[in-house]
Structures are given as C-alpha cells and as structure tokens.
C-alpha cells in the first residue's frame, strides 16, 4: 500500500508542477518557476520510490492517466479551460484503461 501512497504523492507533485509551469510564463516569474522545479523533483523522487515495487509500465500508466485527469480539472477550475465532448470521452477512456489495469492485470504490483 505504501507504494501507492508514493505514486499518489508523485502525481500530486507533478500536477502542482505542471500548473505552476503555466503560471511561470516560460520561467519568467521567479516563484512559480521555483515551485515548478521543486515539485517536478519531488514528483520524480516519489515515482522512483514507487518503481521499487510497481512495474514501470503500470506505474507510468497510472501516473499519466491520473495526472491527465487532475491537470484537466485544474485547467477547468484555475484557467477556465473547458474540454469539449471528444476530450471528455478521451479522458473517460484513459480512466477506464487505468481501472482495467488495476482490477484485472496480474502485473499491477499489488
């Protein structure tokens, strides 16, 4: 279970970093730039801890899918970037893929 906590932390740090990357305005604003760099470092650190027990492909699939959904929600709430219907359908397919991996895959590292 600890490995999934590390993966969750990696995803949260990555989502914060990506959100700050937008607000850094191409690294021209100091504080958002520093937060971006620190949070990406934290994300990769926690991902590295995750990879001790979860296969890299599974961990990356979960990281990517949850990160995409989380960043989409941040984009909607913070930046007023509303996805259209095809984007929402695509997000649902991504979520379905992660659910299938975690429920049915024997390589999910439980």
PDB file of N, CA and C in Angstrom:
ATOM      1  N   UNK A   1       0.825  -1.199   0.000  1.00  0.00           N
ATOM      2  CA  UNK A   1       0.000   0.000   0.000  1.00  0.00           C
ATOM      3  C   UNK A   1       0.865   1.257   0.000  1.00  0.00           C
ATOM      4  N   UNK A   2       2.020   1.189   0.663  1.00  0.00           N
ATOM      5  CA  UNK A   2       2.916   2.332   0.725  1.00  0.00           C
ATOM      6  C   UNK A   2       3.353   2.783  -0.675  1.00  0.00           C
ATOM      7  N   UNK A   3       3.535   1.806  -1.574  1.00  0.00           N
ATOM      8  CA  UNK A   3       3.951   2.146  -2.931  1.00  0.00           C
ATOM      9  C   UNK A   3       2.904   3.003  -3.646  1.00  0.00           C
ATOM     10  N   UNK A   4       1.620   2.763  -3.369  1.00  0.00           N
ATOM     11  CA  UNK A   4       0.579   3.573  -3.995  1.00  0.00           C
ATOM     12  C   UNK A   4       0.486   4.956  -3.360  1.00  0.00           C
ATOM     13  N   UNK A   5       0.851   5.072  -2.100  1.00  0.00           N
ATOM     14  CA  UNK A   5       0.923   6.396  -1.472  1.00  0.00           C
ATOM     15  C   UNK A   5       2.036   7.205  -2.130  1.00  0.00           C
ATOM     16  N   UNK A   6       3.176   6.570  -2.365  1.00  0.00           N
ATOM     17  CA  UNK A   6       4.270   7.255  -3.063  1.00  0.00           C
ATOM     18  C   UNK A   6       3.843   7.664  -4.469  1.00  0.00           C
ATOM     19  N   UNK A   7       3.122   6.787  -5.155  1.00  0.00           N
ATOM     20  CA  UNK A   7       2.653   7.118  -6.504  1.00  0.00           C
ATOM     21  C   UNK A   7       1.673   8.279  -6.452  1.00  0.00           C
ATOM     22  N   UNK A   8       0.773   8.278  -5.484  1.00  0.00           N
ATOM     23  CA  UNK A   8      -0.163   9.382  -5.314  1.00  0.00           C
ATOM     24  C   UNK A   8       0.588  10.696  -5.080  1.00  0.00           C
ATOM     25  N   UNK A   9       1.597  10.668  -4.218  1.00  0.00           N
ATOM     26  CA  UNK A   9       2.398  11.874  -3.964  1.00  0.00           C
ATOM     27  C   UNK A   9       3.121  12.334  -5.225  1.00  0.00           C
ATOM     28  N   UNK A  10       3.635  11.387  -5.999  1.00  0.00           N
ATOM     29  CA  UNK A  10       4.303  11.736  -7.261  1.00  0.00           C
ATOM     30  C   UNK A  10       3.329  12.438  -8.199  1.00  0.00           C
ATOM     31  N   UNK A  11       2.113  11.942  -8.272  1.00  0.00           N
ATOM     32  CA  UNK A  11       1.101  12.531  -9.150  1.00  0.00           C
ATOM     33  C   UNK A  11       0.719  13.929  -8.672  1.00  0.00           C
ATOM     34  N   UNK A  12       0.547  14.098  -7.380  1.00  0.00           N
ATOM     35  CA  UNK A  12       0.180  15.409  -6.842  1.00  0.00           C
ATOM     36  C   UNK A  12       1.293  16.421  -7.099  1.00  0.00           C
ATOM     37  N   UNK A  13       2.545  16.032  -6.832  1.00  0.00           N
ATOM     38  CA  UNK A  13       3.661  16.944  -7.097  1.00  0.00           C
ATOM     39  C   UNK A  13       3.736  17.296  -8.580  1.00  0.00           C
ATOM     40  N   UNK A  14       3.513  16.308  -9.444  1.00  0.00           N
ATOM     41  CA  UNK A  14       3.567  16.570 -10.886  1.00  0.00           C
ATOM     42  C   UNK A  14       2.451  17.510 -11.315  1.00  0.00           C
ATOM     43  N   UNK A  15       1.269  17.335 -10.758  1.00  0.00           N
ATOM     44  CA  UNK A  15       0.144  18.210 -11.109  1.00  0.00           C
ATOM     45  C   UNK A  15       0.396  19.645 -10.648  1.00  0.00           C
ATOM     46  N   UNK A  16       0.941  19.794  -9.460  1.00  0.00           N
ATOM     47  CA  UNK A  16       1.289  21.138  -8.975  1.00  0.00           C
ATOM     48  C   UNK A  16       2.354  21.751  -9.874  1.00  0.00           C
ATOM     49  N   UNK A  17       3.371  20.962 -10.207  1.00  0.00           N
ATOM     50  CA  UNK A  17       4.458  21.465 -11.054  1.00  0.00           C
ATOM     51  C   UNK A  17       3.936  21.905 -12.419  1.00  0.00           C
ATOM     52  N   UNK A  18       3.093  21.103 -13.013  1.00  0.00           N
ATOM     53  CA  UNK A  18       2.565  21.442 -14.333  1.00  0.00           C
ATOM     54  C   UNK A  18       1.686  22.691 -14.267  1.00  0.00           C
ATOM     55  N   UNK A  19       0.900  22.813 -13.210  1.00  0.00           N
ATOM     56  CA  UNK A  19       0.077  24.011 -13.037  1.00  0.00           C
ATOM     57  C   UNK A  19       0.948  25.250 -12.871  1.00  0.00           C
ATOM     58  N   UNK A  20       1.996  25.126 -12.092  1.00  0.00           N
ATOM     59  CA  UNK A  20       2.910  26.254 -11.884  1.00  0.00           C
ATOM     60  C   UNK A  20       3.712  26.562 -13.156  1.00  0.00           C
ATOM     61  N   UNK A  21       3.957  25.535 -13.960  1.00  0.00           N
ATOM     62  CA  UNK A  21       4.671  25.751 -15.219  1.00  0.00           C
ATOM     63  C   UNK A  21       3.902  26.739 -16.090  1.00  0.00           C
ATOM     64  N   UNK A  22       2.577  26.591 -16.108  1.00  0.00           N
ATOM     65  CA  UNK A  22       1.765  27.536 -16.881  1.00  0.00           C
ATOM     66  C   UNK A  22       1.873  28.939 -16.306  1.00  0.00           C
ATOM     67  N   UNK A  23       1.812  29.052 -14.988  1.00  0.00           N
ATOM     68  CA  UNK A  23       1.844  30.380 -14.372  1.00  0.00           C
ATOM     69  C   UNK A  23       3.243  30.992 -14.336  1.00  0.00           C
ATOM     70  N   UNK A  24       4.272  30.183 -14.594  1.00  0.00           N
ATOM     71  CA  UNK A  24       5.640  30.722 -14.604  1.00  0.00           C
ATOM     72  C   UNK A  24       5.912  31.584 -15.831  1.00  0.00           C
ATOM     73  N   UNK A  25       5.023  31.483 -16.826  1.00  0.00           N
ATOM     74  CA  UNK A  25       5.160  32.237 -18.077  1.00  0.00           C
ATOM     75  C   UNK A  25       6.557  32.056 -18.678  1.00  0.00           C
ATOM     76  N   UNK A  26       6.827  30.811 -19.054  1.00  0.00           N
ATOM     77  CA  UNK A  26       8.091  30.410 -19.675  1.00  0.00           C
ATOM     78  C   UNK A  26       9.294  30.720 -18.764  1.00  0.00           C
ATOM     79  N   UNK A  27       9.133  30.474 -17.471  1.00  0.00           N
ATOM     80  CA  UNK A  27      10.172  30.677 -16.451  1.00  0.00           C
ATOM     81  C   UNK A  27      10.591  32.141 -16.326  1.00  0.00           C
ATOM     82  N   UNK A  28       9.666  33.065 -16.583  1.00  0.00           N
ATOM     83  CA  UNK A  28       9.974  34.488 -16.407  1.00  0.00           C
ATOM     84  C   UNK A  28       9.510  35.012 -15.054  1.00  0.00           C
ATOM     85  N   UNK A  29       8.702  34.216 -14.333  1.00  0.00           N
ATOM     86  CA  UNK A  29       8.258  34.601 -12.991  1.00  0.00           C
ATOM     87  C   UNK A  29       8.960  33.684 -11.992  1.00  0.00           C
ATOM     88  N   UNK A  30       9.659  34.281 -11.048  1.00  0.00           N
ATOM     89  CA  UNK A  30      10.554  33.526 -10.174  1.00  0.00           C
ATOM     90  C   UNK A  30       9.841  32.501  -9.300  1.00  0.00           C
ATOM     91  N   UNK A  31       8.854  32.910  -8.511  1.00  0.00           N
ATOM     92  CA  UNK A  31       8.235  31.987  -7.565  1.00  0.00           C
ATOM     93  C   UNK A  31       7.569  30.794  -8.247  1.00  0.00           C
ATOM     94  N   UNK A  32       6.733  31.003  -9.272  1.00  0.00           N
ATOM     95  CA  UNK A  32       6.168  29.833  -9.949  1.00  0.00           C
ATOM     96  C   UNK A  32       7.242  28.951 -10.593  1.00  0.00           C
ATOM     97  N   UNK A  33       8.331  29.551 -11.050  1.00  0.00           N
ATOM     98  CA  UNK A  33       9.426  28.777 -11.645  1.00  0.00           C
ATOM     99  C   UNK A  33      10.094  27.888 -10.605  1.00  0.00           C
ATOM    100  N   UNK A  34      10.334  28.434  -9.426  1.00  0.00           N
ATOM    101  CA  UNK A  34      10.957  27.656  -8.352  1.00  0.00           C
ATOM    102  C   UNK A  34      10.024  26.528  -7.908  1.00  0.00           C
ATOM    103  N   UNK A  35       8.758  26.837  -7.745  1.00  0.00           N
ATOM    104  CA  UNK A  35       7.793  25.807  -7.347  1.00  0.00           C
ATOM    105  C   UNK A  35       7.733  24.701  -8.396  1.00  0.00           C
ATOM    106  N   UNK A  36       7.765  25.071  -9.665  1.00  0.00           N
ATOM    107  CA  UNK A  36       7.756  24.088 -10.750  1.00  0.00           C
ATOM    108  C   UNK A  36       8.930  23.132 -10.623  1.00  0.00           C
ATOM    109  N   UNK A  37      10.116  23.668 -10.476  1.00  0.00           N
ATOM    110  CA  UNK A  37      11.327  22.841 -10.414  1.00  0.00           C
ATOM    111  C   UNK A  37      11.316  21.941  -9.178  1.00  0.00           C
ATOM    112  N   UNK A  38      10.978  22.506  -8.029  1.00  0.00           N
ATOM    113  CA  UNK A  38      10.954  21.727  -6.789  1.00  0.00           C
ATOM    114  C   UNK A  38       9.902  20.619  -6.856  1.00  0.00           C
ATOM    115  N   UNK A  39       8.735  20.933  -7.374  1.00  0.00           N
ATOM    116  CA  UNK A  39       7.674  19.934  -7.442  1.00  0.00           C
ATOM    117  C   UNK A  39       7.973  18.842  -8.465  1.00  0.00           C
ATOM    118  N   UNK A  40       8.590  19.188  -9.600  1.00  0.00           N
ATOM    119  CA  UNK A  40       8.989  18.130 -10.533  1.00  0.00           C
ATOM    120  C   UNK A  40      10.033  17.229  -9.898  1.00  0.00           C
ATOM    121  N   UNK A  41      10.971  17.799  -9.151  1.00  0.00           N
ATOM    122  CA  UNK A  41      11.966  16.982  -8.446  1.00  0.00           C
ATOM    123  C   UNK A  41      11.273  16.053  -7.454  1.00  0.00           C
ATOM    124  N   UNK A  42      10.308  16.586  -6.693  1.00  0.00           N
ATOM    125  CA  UNK A  42       9.560  15.752  -5.759  1.00  0.00           C
ATOM    126  C   UNK A  42       8.782  14.660  -6.468  1.00  0.00           C
ATOM    127  N   UNK A  43       8.187  14.995  -7.597  1.00  0.00           N
ATOM    128  CA  UNK A  43       7.417  14.008  -8.362  1.00  0.00           C
ATOM    129  C   UNK A  43       8.309  12.851  -8.800  1.00  0.00           C
ATOM    130  N   UNK A  44       9.473  13.154  -9.341  1.00  0.00           N
ATOM    131  CA  UNK A  44      10.357  12.088  -9.803  1.00  0.00           C
ATOM    132  C   UNK A  44      10.956  11.295  -8.638  1.00  0.00           C
ATOM    133  N   UNK A  45      11.178  11.954  -7.510  1.00  0.00           N
ATOM    134  CA  UNK A  45      11.673  11.240  -6.334  1.00  0.00           C
ATOM    135  C   UNK A  45      10.636  10.208  -5.882  1.00  0.00           C
ATOM    136  N   UNK A  46       9.387  10.637  -5.716  1.00  0.00           N
ATOM    137  CA  UNK A  46       8.357   9.701  -5.269  1.00  0.00           C
ATOM    138  C   UNK A  46       8.063   8.639  -6.316  1.00  0.00           C
ATOM    139  N   UNK A  47       8.156   8.987  -7.595  1.00  0.00           N
ATOM    140  CA  UNK A  47       7.999   7.973  -8.634  1.00  0.00           C
ATOM    141  C   UNK A  47       9.112   6.932  -8.531  1.00  0.00           C
ATOM    142  N   UNK A  48      10.331   7.380  -8.251  1.00  0.00           N
ATOM    143  CA  UNK A  48      11.439   6.422  -8.126  1.00  0.00           C
ATOM    144  C   UNK A  48      11.208   5.456  -6.970  1.00  0.00           C
ATOM    145  N   UNK A  49      10.620   5.935  -5.874  1.00  0.00           N
ATOM    146  CA  UNK A  49      10.299   5.045  -4.754  1.00  0.00           C
ATOM    147  C   UNK A  49       9.225   4.036  -5.150  1.00  0.00           C
ATOM    148  N   UNK A  50       8.285   4.504  -5.941  1.00  0.00           N
ATOM    149  CA  UNK A  50       7.204   3.638  -6.419  1.00  0.00           C
ATOM    150  C   UNK A  50       7.744   2.496  -7.261  1.00  0.00           C
ATOM    151  N   UNK A  51       8.766   2.789  -8.063  1.00  0.00           N
ATOM    152  CA  UNK A  51       9.276   1.798  -9.012  1.00  0.00           C
ATOM    153  C   UNK A  51      10.036   0.655  -8.340  1.00  0.00           C
ATOM    154  N   UNK A  52      10.224   0.731  -7.020  1.00  0.00           N
ATOM    155  CA  UNK A  52      10.816  -0.398  -6.300  1.00  0.00           C
ATOM    156  C   UNK A  52       9.869  -1.587  -6.286  1.00  0.00           C
ATOM    157  N   UNK A  53       8.555  -1.326  -6.320  1.00  0.00           N
ATOM    158  CA  UNK A  53       7.590  -2.417  -6.184  1.00  0.00           C
ATOM    159  C   UNK A  53       6.558  -2.491  -7.305  1.00  0.00           C
ATOM    160  N   UNK A  54       6.297  -1.400  -7.982  1.00  0.00           N
ATOM    161  CA  UNK A  54       5.317  -1.408  -9.069  1.00  0.00           C
ATOM    162  C   UNK A  54       6.075  -1.399 -10.396  1.00  0.00           C
ATOM    163  N   UNK A  55       5.731  -2.272 -11.332  1.00  0.00           N
ATOM    164  CA  UNK A  55       6.408  -2.267 -12.633  1.00  0.00           C
ATOM    165  C   UNK A  55       6.310  -0.889 -13.306  1.00  0.00           C
ATOM    166  N   UNK A  56       7.375  -0.506 -13.996  1.00  0.00           N
ATOM    167  CA  UNK A  56       7.467   0.840 -14.557  1.00  0.00           C
ATOM    168  C   UNK A  56       6.303   1.155 -15.502  1.00  0.00           C
ATOM    169  N   UNK A  57       5.902   0.211 -16.325  1.00  0.00           N
ATOM    170  CA  UNK A  57       4.807   0.462 -17.262  1.00  0.00           C
ATOM    171  C   UNK A  57       3.483   0.707 -16.560  1.00  0.00           C
ATOM    172  N   UNK A  58       3.237  -0.047 -15.507  1.00  0.00           N
ATOM    173  CA  UNK A  58       1.999   0.116 -14.738  1.00  0.00           C
ATOM    174  C   UNK A  58       2.018   1.442 -13.987  1.00  0.00           C
ATOM    175  N   UNK A  59       3.136   1.721 -13.324  1.00  0.00           N
ATOM    176  CA  UNK A  59       3.249   2.981 -12.568  1.00  0.00           C
ATOM    177  C   UNK A  59       3.090   4.176 -13.501  1.00  0.00           C
ATOM    178  N   UNK A  60       3.726   4.106 -14.669  1.00  0.00           N
ATOM    179  CA  UNK A  60       3.647   5.234 -15.593  1.00  0.00           C
ATOM    180  C   UNK A  60       2.243   5.382 -16.170  1.00  0.00           C
ATOM    181  N   UNK A  61       1.566   4.271 -16.409  1.00  0.00           N
ATOM    182  CA  UNK A  61       0.187   4.340 -16.907  1.00  0.00           C
ATOM    183  C   UNK A  61      -0.713   5.030 -15.884  1.00  0.00           C
ATOM    184  N   UNK A  62      -0.557   4.652 -14.632  1.00  0.00           N
ATOM    185  CA  UNK A  62      -1.375   5.264 -13.583  1.00  0.00           C
ATOM    186  C   UNK A  62      -1.006   6.728 -13.427  1.00  0.00           C
ATOM    187  N   UNK A  63       0.299   7.021 -13.366  1.00  0.00           N
ATOM    188  CA  UNK A  63       0.783   8.396 -13.232  1.00  0.00           C
ATOM    189  C   UNK A  63       0.202   9.253 -14.355  1.00  0.00           C
ATOM    190  N   UNK A  64       0.334   8.777 -15.578  1.00  0.00           N
ATOM    191  CA  UNK A  64      -0.125   9.548 -16.734  1.00  0.00           C
ATOM    192  C   UNK A  64      -1.624   9.789 -16.700  1.00  0.00           C
ATOM    193  N   UNK A  65      -2.370   8.728 -16.489  1.00  0.00           N
ATOM    194  CA  UNK A  65      -3.832   8.835 -16.534  1.00  0.00           C
ATOM    195  C   UNK A  65      -4.376   9.735 -15.439  1.00  0.00           C
ATOM    196  N   UNK A  66      -3.953   9.485 -14.214  1.00  0.00           N
ATOM    197  CA  UNK A  66      -4.460  10.299 -13.106  1.00  0.00           C
ATOM    198  C   UNK A  66      -3.965  11.735 -13.241  1.00  0.00           C
ATOM    199  N   UNK A  67      -2.727  11.893 -13.680  1.00  0.00           N
ATOM    200  CA  UNK A  67      -2.184  13.234 -13.894  1.00  0.00           C
ATOM    201  C   UNK A  67      -2.948  14.004 -14.956  1.00  0.00           C
ATOM    202  N   UNK A  68      -3.299  13.340 -16.048  1.00  0.00           N
ATOM    203  CA  UNK A  68      -4.058  13.990 -17.116  1.00  0.00           C
ATOM    204  C   UNK A  68      -5.417  14.461 -16.608  1.00  0.00           C
ATOM    205  N   UNK A  69      -6.086  13.592 -15.872  1.00  0.00           N
ATOM    206  CA  UNK A  69      -7.400  13.962 -15.344  1.00  0.00           C
ATOM    207  C   UNK A  69      -7.272  15.100 -14.333  1.00  0.00           C
ATOM    208  N   UNK A  70      -6.287  14.996 -13.440  1.00  0.00           N
ATOM    209  CA  UNK A  70      -6.090  16.035 -12.434  1.00  0.00           C
ATOM    210  C   UNK A  70      -5.746  17.378 -13.073  1.00  0.00           C
ATOM    211  N   UNK A  71      -4.859  17.379 -14.053  1.00  0.00           N
ATOM    212  CA  UNK A  71      -4.483  18.618 -14.735  1.00  0.00           C
ATOM    213  C   UNK A  71      -5.665  19.185 -15.519  1.00  0.00           C
ATOM    214  N   UNK A  72      -6.487  18.320 -16.077  1.00  0.00           N
ATOM    215  CA  UNK A  72      -7.686  18.801 -16.765  1.00  0.00           C
ATOM    216  C   UNK A  72      -8.614  19.520 -15.784  1.00  0.00           C
ATOM    217  N   UNK A  73      -8.779  18.939 -14.597  1.00  0.00           N
ATOM    218  CA  UNK A  73      -9.602  19.595 -13.577  1.00  0.00           C
ATOM    219  C   UNK A  73      -9.005  20.923 -13.137  1.00  0.00           C
ATOM    220  N   UNK A  74      -7.692  20.965 -12.959  1.00  0.00           N
ATOM    221  CA  UNK A  74      -7.025  22.236 -12.610  1.00  0.00           C
ATOM    222  C   UNK A  74      -7.227  23.243 -13.727  1.00  0.00           C
ATOM    223  N   UNK A  75      -7.065  22.805 -14.966  1.00  0.00           N
ATOM    224  CA  UNK A  75      -7.276  23.691 -16.106  1.00  0.00           C
ATOM    225  C   UNK A  75      -8.681  24.257 -16.141  1.00  0.00           C
ATOM    226  N   UNK A  76      -9.652  23.419 -15.814  1.00  0.00           N
ATOM    227  CA  UNK A  76     -11.048  23.870 -15.802  1.00  0.00           C
ATOM    228  C   UNK A  76     -11.277  24.897 -14.692  1.00  0.00           C
ATOM    229  N   UNK A  77     -10.787  24.594 -13.499  1.00  0.00           N
ATOM    230  CA  UNK A  77     -11.071  25.439 -12.342  1.00  0.00           C
ATOM    231  C   UNK A  77     -10.204  26.700 -12.281  1.00  0.00           C
ATOM    232  N   UNK A  78      -8.917  26.545 -12.555  1.00  0.00           N
ATOM    233  CA  UNK A  78      -7.996  27.670 -12.384  1.00  0.00           C
ATOM    234  C   UNK A  78      -7.815  28.500 -13.651  1.00  0.00           C
ATOM    235  N   UNK A  79      -7.885  27.862 -14.807  1.00  0.00           N
ATOM    236  CA  UNK A  79      -7.567  28.565 -16.046  1.00  0.00           C
ATOM    237  C   UNK A  79      -8.751  28.675 -17.005  1.00  0.00           C
ATOM    238  N   UNK A  80      -9.920  28.197 -16.569  1.00  0.00           N
ATOM    239  CA  UNK A  80     -11.151  28.262 -17.381  1.00  0.00           C
ATOM    240  C   UNK A  80     -10.984  27.587 -18.740  1.00  0.00           C
ATOM    241  N   UNK A  81     -10.247  26.465 -18.765  1.00  0.00           N
ATOM    242  CA  UNK A  81     -10.026  25.696 -19.983  1.00  0.00           C
ATOM    243  C   UNK A  81     -10.987  24.505 -19.963  1.00  0.00           C
ATOM    244  N   UNK A  82     -12.121  24.662 -20.592  1.00  0.00           N
ATOM    245  CA  UNK A  82     -13.174  23.654 -20.554  1.00  0.00           C
ATOM    246  C   UNK A  82     -13.001  22.685 -21.730  1.00  0.00           C
ATOM    247  N   UNK A  83     -12.838  21.386 -21.435  1.00  0.00           N
ATOM    248  CA  UNK A  83     -12.680  20.417 -22.529  1.00  0.00           C
ATOM    249  C   UNK A  83     -13.991  20.211 -23.291  1.00  0.00           C
ATOM    250  N   UNK A  84     -13.862  19.934 -24.580  1.00  0.00           N
ATOM    251  CA  UNK A  84     -15.045  19.649 -25.380  1.00  0.00           C
ATOM    252  C   UNK A  84     -15.419  18.168 -25.233  1.00  0.00           C
ATOM    253  N   UNK A  85     -16.503  17.770 -25.878  1.00  0.00           N
ATOM    254  CA  UNK A  85     -17.010  16.408 -25.735  1.00  0.00           C
ATOM    255  C   UNK A  85     -15.983  15.344 -26.140  1.00  0.00           C
ATOM    256  N   UNK A  86     -15.285  15.474 -27.284  1.00  0.00           N
ATOM    257  CA  UNK A  86     -14.278  14.456 -27.614  1.00  0.00           C
ATOM    258  C   UNK A  86     -13.170  14.350 -26.551  1.00  0.00           C
ATOM    259  N   UNK A  87     -12.776  15.467 -25.967  1.00  0.00           N
ATOM    260  CA  UNK A  87     -11.760  15.419 -24.917  1.00  0.00           C
ATOM    261  C   UNK A  87     -12.282  14.693 -23.685  1.00  0.00           C
ATOM    262  N   UNK A  88     -13.523  14.948 -23.328  1.00  0.00           N
ATOM    263  CA  UNK A  88     -14.123  14.272 -22.172  1.00  0.00           C
ATOM    264  C   UNK A  88     -14.226  12.771 -22.426  1.00  0.00           C
ATOM    265  N   UNK A  89     -14.633  12.395 -23.624  1.00  0.00           N
ATOM    266  CA  UNK A  89     -14.710  10.969 -23.969  1.00  0.00           C
ATOM    267  C   UNK A  89     -13.327  10.334 -23.891  1.00  0.00           C
ATOM    268  N   UNK A  90     -12.323  11.023 -24.413  1.00  0.00           N
ATOM    269  CA  UNK A  90     -10.952  10.518 -24.335  1.00  0.00           C
ATOM    270  C   UNK A  90     -10.495  10.341 -22.900  1.00  0.00           C
ATOM    271  N   UNK A  91     -10.817  11.295 -22.034  1.00  0.00           N
ATOM    272  CA  UNK A  91     -10.466  11.178 -20.618  1.00  0.00           C
ATOM    273  C   UNK A  91     -11.143   9.969 -19.978  1.00  0.00           C
ATOM    274  N   UNK A  92     -12.389   9.728 -20.351  1.00  0.00           N
ATOM    275  CA  UNK A  92     -13.099   8.557 -19.818  1.00  0.00           C
ATOM    276  C   UNK A  92     -12.435   7.254 -20.258  1.00  0.00           C
ATOM    277  N   UNK A  93     -11.949   7.209 -21.504  1.00  0.00           N
ATOM    278  CA  UNK A  93     -11.216   6.025 -21.965  1.00  0.00           C
ATOM    279  C   UNK A  93      -9.920   5.845 -21.181  1.00  0.00           C
ATOM    280  N   UNK A  94      -9.231   6.936 -20.887  1.00  0.00           N
ATOM    281  CA  UNK A  94      -7.999   6.852 -20.103  1.00  0.00           C
ATOM    282  C   UNK A  94      -8.297   6.304 -18.712  1.00  0.00           C
ATOM    283  N   UNK A  95      -9.329   6.828 -18.079  1.00  0.00           N
ATOM    284  CA  UNK A  95      -9.724   6.352 -16.748  1.00  0.00           C
ATOM    285  C   UNK A  95     -10.089   4.870 -16.810  1.00  0.00           C
ATOM    286  N   UNK A  96     -10.842   4.486 -17.832  1.00  0.00           N
ATOM    287  CA  UNK A  96     -11.233   3.078 -17.983  1.00  0.00           C
ATOM    288  C   UNK A  96      -9.999   2.188 -18.116  1.00  0.00           C
ATOM    289  N   UNK A  97      -9.010   2.641 -18.844  1.00  0.00           N
ATOM    290  CA  UNK A  97      -7.785   1.864 -19.008  1.00  0.00           C
ATOM    291  C   UNK A  97      -7.073   1.629 -17.698  1.00  0.00           C
ATOM    292  N   UNK A  98      -6.980   2.649 -16.872  1.00  0.00           N
ATOM    293  CA  UNK A  98      -6.317   2.506 -15.579  1.00  0.00           C
ATOM    294  C   UNK A  98      -7.119   1.587 -14.661  1.00  0.00           C
ATOM    295  N   UNK A  99      -8.433   1.702 -14.692  1.00  0.00           N
ATOM    296  CA  UNK A  99      -9.271   0.821 -13.877  1.00  0.00           C
ATOM    297  C   UNK A  99      -9.078  -0.625 -14.307  1.00  0.00           C
ATOM    298  N   UNK A 100      -9.069  -0.877 -15.611  1.00  0.00           N
ATOM    299  CA  UNK A 100      -8.872  -2.236 -16.124  1.00  0.00           C
ATOM    300  C   UNK A 100      -7.522  -2.782 -15.676  1.00  0.00           C
ATOM    301  N   UNK A 101      -6.473  -1.970 -15.783  1.00  0.00           N
ATOM    302  CA  UNK A 101      -5.144  -2.408 -15.356  1.00  0.00           C
ATOM    303  C   UNK A 101      -5.165  -2.791 -13.874  1.00  0.00           C
ATOM    304  N   UNK A 102      -5.737  -1.943 -13.059  1.00  0.00           N
ATOM    305  CA  UNK A 102      -5.693  -2.185 -11.613  1.00  0.00           C
ATOM    306  C   UNK A 102      -6.607  -3.319 -11.153  1.00  0.00           C
ATOM    307  N   UNK A 103      -7.673  -3.572 -11.865  1.00  0.00           N
ATOM    308  CA  UNK A 103      -8.577  -4.644 -11.454  1.00  0.00           C
ATOM    309  C   UNK A 103      -8.148  -5.997 -12.028  1.00  0.00           C
ATOM    310  N   UNK A 104      -7.725  -6.012 -13.290  1.00  0.00           N
ATOM    311  CA  UNK A 104      -7.523  -7.281 -13.962  1.00  0.00           C
ATOM    312  C   UNK A 104      -6.068  -7.684 -14.208  1.00  0.00           C
ATOM    313  N   UNK A 105      -5.142  -6.751 -14.178  1.00  0.00           N
ATOM    314  CA  UNK A 105      -3.757  -7.093 -14.517  1.00  0.00           C
ATOM    315  C   UNK A 105      -3.053  -7.767 -13.347  1.00  0.00           C
ATOM    316  N   UNK A 106      -2.352  -8.832 -13.651  1.00  0.00           N
ATOM    317  CA  UNK A 106      -1.555  -9.518 -12.632  1.00  0.00           C
ATOM    318  C   UNK A 106      -0.203  -8.822 -12.435  1.00  0.00           C
ATOM    319  N   UNK A 107       0.127  -7.881 -13.295  1.00  0.00           N
ATOM    320  CA  UNK A 107       1.418  -7.185 -13.183  1.00  0.00           C
ATOM    321  C   UNK A 107       1.282  -5.850 -12.467  1.00  0.00           C
ATOM    322  N   UNK A 108       0.127  -5.560 -11.888  1.00  0.00           N
ATOM    323  CA  UNK A 108      -0.106  -4.257 -11.270  1.00  0.00           C
ATOM    324  C   UNK A 108       0.657  -4.046  -9.970  1.00  0.00           C
ATOM    325  N   UNK A 109       1.365  -5.029  -9.478  1.00  0.00           N
ATOM    326  CA  UNK A 109       2.233  -4.842  -8.323  1.00  0.00           C
ATOM    327  C   UNK A 109       1.514  -4.729  -6.997  1.00  0.00           C
ATOM    328  N   UNK A 110       0.460  -5.445  -6.831  1.00  0.00           N
ATOM    329  CA  UNK A 110      -0.268  -5.387  -5.557  1.00  0.00           C
ATOM    330  C   UNK A 110       0.447  -6.157  -4.497  1.00  0.00           C
TER     331      UNK A 110
END
